[in-house]
Protein backbone atom coordinates (compact mmCIF):
# COMPACT_ATOMS: atom_id res chain seq x y z
CA MET A 1 10.25 17.09 -0.27
CA LYS A 2 12.41 17.49 2.45
CA LYS A 3 10.36 15.81 5.22
CA THR A 4 10.13 12.67 3.23
CA LEU A 5 13.53 13.02 3.20
CA THR A 6 13.61 12.86 6.47
CA THR A 7 11.59 10.10 7.41
CA ILE A 8 13.77 7.94 4.71
CA GLY A 9 16.47 8.77 6.67
CA ILE A 10 14.93 7.82 10.07
CA TRP A 11 13.84 4.46 8.26
CA ILE A 12 17.92 3.42 7.00
CA GLY A 13 18.63 4.40 10.78
CA ALA A 14 16.07 2.41 12.56
CA GLN A 15 17.14 -0.07 11.03
CA ILE A 16 20.84 -0.33 10.47
CA THR A 17 20.82 1.04 14.33
CA VAL A 18 18.76 -1.81 15.86
CA THR A 19 20.39 -4.34 13.66
CA LEU A 20 23.57 -3.33 14.77
CA ILE A 21 22.39 -2.97 19.01
CA PHE A 22 21.23 -6.43 18.38
CA MET A 23 24.62 -7.86 16.58
CA ILE A 24 26.34 -6.64 19.51
CA ALA A 25 23.96 -8.06 21.75
CA ALA A 26 24.66 -11.67 19.90
CA MET A 27 28.14 -11.22 20.18
CA ILE A 28 28.80 -10.74 23.64
CA MET A 29 26.36 -13.97 24.72
CA LYS A 30 27.66 -16.40 22.10
CA MET A 31 24.03 -16.34 20.62
CA ASP A 32 23.58 -17.18 17.16
CA ILE A 33 23.87 -13.96 14.55
CA ASN A 34 20.68 -16.23 12.76
CA SER A 35 18.60 -15.74 16.24
CA ILE A 36 18.67 -12.26 16.57
CA LEU A 37 17.62 -11.78 13.04
CA ALA A 38 13.87 -12.18 14.18
CA PRO A 39 13.55 -9.81 16.98
CA SER A 40 15.54 -7.43 15.50
CA LEU A 41 13.72 -7.05 12.29
CA LEU A 42 9.89 -7.26 15.23
CA VAL A 43 11.64 -4.21 16.96
CA SER A 44 13.04 -1.94 14.16
CA ASP A 45 9.85 -2.35 11.76
CA PHE A 46 7.80 -1.03 15.36
CA LEU A 47 10.03 2.16 15.96
CA VAL A 48 10.04 2.70 12.27
CA ILE A 49 6.04 2.57 12.27
CA VAL A 50 6.04 4.44 16.58
CA LEU A 51 7.79 7.19 14.60
CA LEU A 52 6.26 7.88 11.91
CA LEU A 53 2.99 8.45 13.84
CA ILE A 54 4.73 10.63 16.03
CA ILE A 55 5.48 13.50 13.16
CA LYS A 56 2.07 12.31 11.80
CA TYR A 57 3.26 11.61 8.37
CA CYS A 58 0.00 8.78 8.17
CA GLY A 59 -2.28 9.02 11.05
CA PHE A 60 -4.51 5.96 12.44
CA LYS A 61 -7.54 6.86 10.18
CA GLU A 62 -5.22 7.36 7.22
CA LEU A 63 -3.16 3.69 7.61
CA PHE A 64 -7.02 2.44 9.04
CA LYS A 65 -9.19 4.11 6.18
CA GLY A 66 -11.47 1.36 5.41
CA VAL A 67 -13.74 0.66 1.85
CA PRO A 68 -16.43 -1.17 0.99
CA PHE A 69 -16.82 -4.63 0.99
CA ASN A 70 -17.11 -5.85 -2.85
CA VAL A 71 -14.53 -3.85 -3.09
CA PHE A 72 -11.87 -4.88 0.32
CA LEU A 73 -13.30 -8.26 -1.05
CA ILE A 74 -12.47 -8.36 -5.19
CA SER A 75 -8.67 -5.91 -4.56
CA ILE A 76 -7.85 -9.40 -2.17
CA VAL A 77 -8.84 -11.34 -5.11
CA PHE A 78 -6.90 -9.80 -7.61
CA ALA A 79 -3.80 -8.95 -5.99
CA ILE A 80 -3.32 -12.65 -4.31
CA CYS A 81 -4.25 -14.33 -7.64
CA GLY A 82 -2.10 -11.02 -8.85
CA MET A 83 1.07 -12.02 -6.80
CA MET A 84 0.66 -16.10 -7.48
CA ALA A 85 0.56 -15.24 -11.28
CA VAL A 86 4.03 -13.67 -10.97
CA ASP A 87 4.98 -16.77 -8.15
CA LEU A 88 4.41 -19.49 -10.97
CA LEU A 89 6.23 -17.66 -13.29
CA SER A 90 9.80 -16.77 -11.26
CA THR A 91 9.32 -21.15 -10.41
CA THR A 92 10.76 -21.13 -14.27
CA VAL A 93 13.95 -19.70 -14.04
CA GLU A 94 16.38 -20.63 -11.68
CA ILE A 95 16.55 -17.79 -9.57
CA PRO A 96 19.41 -18.10 -6.01
CA ASN A 97 18.06 -17.28 -3.20
CA ILE A 98 21.13 -16.42 -0.55
CA LEU A 99 19.03 -15.62 2.16
CA GLU A 100 17.02 -19.24 2.61
CA GLN A 101 19.00 -20.17 6.09
CA GLN A 102 17.90 -17.16 7.55
CA PHE A 103 14.30 -16.77 6.41
CA GLU A 104 13.88 -20.27 8.05
CA GLU A 105 15.32 -19.64 11.18
CA MET A 106 13.22 -16.23 11.59
CA SER A 107 9.74 -19.12 11.06
CA LYS A 108 11.13 -21.02 13.67
CA SER A 109 10.07 -17.97 16.35
CA ILE A 110 6.78 -16.30 16.89
CA TRP A 111 9.14 -13.25 16.84
CA GLY A 112 9.46 -14.18 13.26
CA PHE A 113 5.78 -13.91 12.45
CA LEU A 114 5.07 -10.93 13.94
CA GLY A 115 8.08 -9.62 12.56
CA ILE A 116 7.39 -10.76 8.52
CA CYS A 117 3.66 -11.45 8.74
CA ILE A 118 2.54 -8.03 11.04
CA ILE A 119 4.73 -5.61 11.69
CA GLY A 120 6.99 -6.45 8.34
CA PRO A 121 3.97 -5.03 6.58
CA ILE A 122 3.01 -2.33 7.75
CA MET A 123 5.80 -1.32 8.19
CA GLU A 124 6.53 -0.96 4.53
CA GLU A 125 3.30 -0.42 3.03
CA MET A 126 3.75 2.71 5.21
CA MET A 127 6.78 3.39 3.74
CA MET A 128 6.87 2.55 0.27
CA ARG A 129 3.25 3.34 -0.21
CA ARG A 130 2.60 6.51 1.22
CA VAL A 131 6.03 7.92 1.68
CA ILE A 132 7.78 6.72 -1.68
CA LEU A 133 5.00 7.29 -3.71
CA LYS A 134 2.68 9.43 -2.18
CA GLU A 135 6.03 11.84 -2.74
CA MET A 136 6.90 9.97 -6.12
CA GLU A 137 4.02 11.04 -8.13
CA LYS A 138 4.24 14.08 -6.61
CA LEU A 139 7.24 15.12 -7.94
CA THR A 140 6.69 13.08 -11.22
CA LYS A 141 3.01 14.58 -11.35
CA SER A 142 2.47 11.28 -13.01
CA MET A 143 0.55 8.08 -10.95
CA TRP A 144 2.48 5.53 -12.59
CA TRP A 145 5.41 6.50 -11.57
CA GLY A 146 5.37 7.40 -8.62
CA ILE A 147 3.74 3.20 -8.77
CA ILE A 148 6.96 1.54 -10.74
CA ILE A 149 9.51 4.35 -8.69
CA SER A 150 7.90 2.62 -5.43
CA ALA A 151 7.86 -0.61 -6.68
CA ALA A 152 11.35 -0.64 -7.54
CA VAL A 153 12.94 0.57 -4.38
CA PHE A 154 10.04 -1.90 -2.52
CA ALA A 155 12.43 -4.93 -4.62
CA VAL A 156 16.21 -2.89 -3.74
CA ILE A 157 15.46 -3.02 -0.22
CA HIS A 158 14.43 -7.77 0.13
CA ILE A 159 18.55 -7.79 -1.37
CA ASN A 160 17.84 -11.58 -1.64
CA PRO A 161 17.49 -11.75 -5.79
CA ILE A 162 14.36 -14.48 -5.24
CA GLN A 163 12.88 -11.94 -3.49
CA VAL A 164 13.41 -9.22 -6.07
CA VAL A 165 12.18 -10.76 -8.88
CA PHE A 166 8.71 -10.98 -6.82
CA ALA A 167 9.12 -7.69 -5.39
CA MET A 168 8.98 -5.77 -7.86
CA PRO A 169 6.27 -6.67 -9.84
CA ALA A 170 4.03 -7.37 -6.47
CA GLY A 171 4.77 -3.84 -5.43
CA ILE A 172 3.27 -3.05 -8.84
CA ILE A 173 0.40 -3.97 -7.50
CA LEU A 174 -0.37 -2.84 -4.65
CA GLY A 175 0.65 0.25 -5.48
CA TRP A 176 -2.19 0.07 -8.20
CA LEU A 177 -4.65 -0.66 -4.92
CA TYR A 178 -3.60 1.69 -3.42
CA CYS A 179 -4.09 4.50 -5.73
CA LYS A 180 -6.47 2.98 -7.05
CA THR A 181 -9.00 2.48 -3.37
CA GLY A 182 -7.23 5.32 -1.52
CA SER A 183 -7.13 3.31 1.26
CA LEU A 184 -3.90 1.52 2.89
CA PHE A 185 -5.81 -0.78 4.37
CA VAL A 186 -6.50 -2.65 1.20
CA PRO A 187 -2.08 -2.52 0.51
CA ILE A 188 -1.15 -3.58 4.30
CA CYS A 189 -4.19 -6.88 3.93
CA VAL A 190 -2.65 -8.12 1.22
CA HIS A 191 0.51 -7.89 2.47
CA ILE A 192 -0.45 -9.52 5.73
CA LEU A 193 -1.89 -11.84 3.42
CA ASN A 194 0.52 -12.65 1.20
CA ASN A 195 3.51 -13.30 3.28
CA THR A 196 1.47 -14.82 6.20
CA ILE A 197 0.83 -17.61 2.97
CA SER A 198 4.38 -17.71 2.18
CA PHE A 199 5.17 -18.15 6.41
CA ILE A 200 3.11 -21.37 6.70
CA THR A 201 4.32 -22.80 3.31
CA MET A 202 7.37 -22.12 4.54
CA ARG A 203 7.25 -23.22 8.24
CA ILE A 204 4.89 -26.31 7.05
CA GLY A 205 7.68 -27.32 4.55
CA SER A 206 8.12 -27.25 -0.27
CA ASP A 207 7.79 -30.68 -1.27
CA THR A 208 3.41 -30.26 -1.79
CA GLU A 209 3.95 -26.92 -3.30
CA ILE A 210 6.54 -27.77 -5.47
CA SER A 211 4.59 -30.77 -6.62
CA LEU A 212 1.17 -29.32 -6.76
CA LYS A 213 3.49 -26.28 -8.89
CA ASP A 214 4.53 -29.16 -11.39
CA THR A 215 0.94 -30.94 -11.95
CA LEU A 216 -0.93 -28.59 -12.27
CA GLY A 217 1.32 -25.46 -13.06
CA VAL A 218 -0.08 -23.76 -16.12
CA ILE A 219 -3.91 -24.69 -15.46
CA LEU A 220 -2.82 -22.28 -11.75
CA LEU A 221 -1.45 -19.70 -13.81
CA ILE A 222 -4.05 -19.26 -15.80
CA VAL A 223 -7.02 -19.47 -13.41
CA PHE A 224 -4.93 -16.92 -11.29
CA LEU A 225 -4.47 -14.31 -14.10
CA VAL A 226 -8.23 -14.60 -14.70
CA LEU A 227 -9.02 -13.96 -11.66
CA ALA A 228 -6.62 -11.37 -11.67
CA THR A 229 -6.82 -9.55 -14.80
CA ALA A 230 -10.83 -10.08 -13.95
CA GLY A 231 -11.00 -8.30 -10.74
CA ALA A 232 -8.16 -5.57 -12.16
CA ILE A 233 -11.28 -4.94 -14.84
CA TRP A 234 -13.73 -4.32 -11.74
CA ILE A 235 -11.92 -2.32 -9.36
CA ILE A 236 -11.68 0.06 -12.38
CA ILE A 237 -14.80 -0.20 -13.88
CA TYR A 238 -16.13 0.44 -10.27
CA TYR A 239 -13.73 3.12 -9.36
CA SER A 240 -14.79 5.38 -13.01
CA LYS A 241 -18.10 4.67 -12.54
CA LYS A 242 -17.71 6.68 -8.77
CA SER A 243 -16.15 9.00 -10.44
CA LYS A 244 -18.58 10.22 -13.41
CA GLU A 245 -21.61 9.35 -10.03
CA GLU A 246 -19.16 11.87 -8.11
CA ALA A 247 -19.15 14.01 -11.24
CA GLU A 248 -22.65 14.12 -12.57
CA ALA A 249 -23.61 14.98 -8.31
CA ILE A 250 -21.06 18.34 -8.43
CA ALA A 251 -23.17 19.69 -11.12
CA GLN A 252 -26.27 18.89 -10.83
CA ASP A 253 -25.95 20.94 -7.49
CA THR A 254 -24.27 23.26 -8.73
CA THR A 255 -26.81 24.02 -11.57
CA GLN A 256 -29.86 23.49 -8.34
CA GLU A 257 -28.20 26.84 -6.99
CA GLU A 258 -31.17 29.50 -6.92
CA PRO A 259 -30.29 32.27 -8.83
CA ALA A 260 -30.31 35.82 -6.83
CA ALA A 261 -33.50 37.37 -6.87
CA PRO A 262 -33.70 40.60 -9.22
CA ILE A 263 -34.17 44.29 -7.90
CA GLU A 264 -37.73 45.65 -8.26
CA GLU A 265 -37.40 48.71 -9.30
CA PRO A 266 -40.23 51.31 -7.47
CA THR A 267 -43.68 51.40 -8.02
CA ASN A 268 -44.19 54.49 -6.74
CA PRO A 269 -47.17 57.62 -8.43
CA GLU A 270 -45.09 59.76 -9.69
CA VAL A 271 -43.29 62.25 -6.88
CA THR A 272 -42.86 66.76 -6.82
CA GLN A 273 -40.93 67.72 -4.63
CA SER A 274 -42.09 71.42 -3.77
CA GLY A 275 -38.67 73.10 -2.00
CA ASP A 276 -38.04 70.69 1.13
CA ASN A 277 -41.25 69.08 1.08
CA TYR A 278 -42.27 66.14 -0.91
CA GLN A 279 -46.07 65.26 -2.19
CA ILE A 280 -47.23 62.66 -3.50
């Protein structure tokens, strides 16, 4: 717990420190504050990743731990469809987007792309899933409490109301995938793909997207929900079967261990003793 709290402190401290430095630099150079959001986000997130690797809270092997290709593919389909379904549902409610202007400004530069679509997702998955989820899971002795608490933190850090509403269920999906696959690489890829889709949509413009949602909203929602449900069921069956096979293999290895050879009694003929001499 002490190491986790220290890590969270480093994360928050790095974010605040880097942002302040960039804001001060922007004021000195008389630049628009919005123009420094993308580079400050990129630098602070990258710094957190480096620090997490330095203190060995998360190593490269854990960060890039792979899974079988079929599991990876189904995980991507399940997560993206689940997030798309949540996104469609969220459009039925009027939710304020207080950072829309800032994100539009960030989407205009390569730094914004790297920060939002690559470095940001890697850092957030390391912090939310590897650090907070695993520590909460140990503390509560419950996988689901770990997932829910980390998803709640994931939602809160986004601040923007429209992102908070989306981030909570997205965090649950990403956390569940991490727990099921045991790989941080899977939720990182899902997070990168989701943010990249959002980034491209922001750059192209949302008129087409809104029209598509209005026209095919219910149909798309049903399709996404069906695909997400099917993917989740497949993953559960796959890992349940894998756990059963591993348990059977361990049991089989145990039964195949050869018992210790019995100690045989000597079969020599009777021995007679006379003084210090032994005669057969």
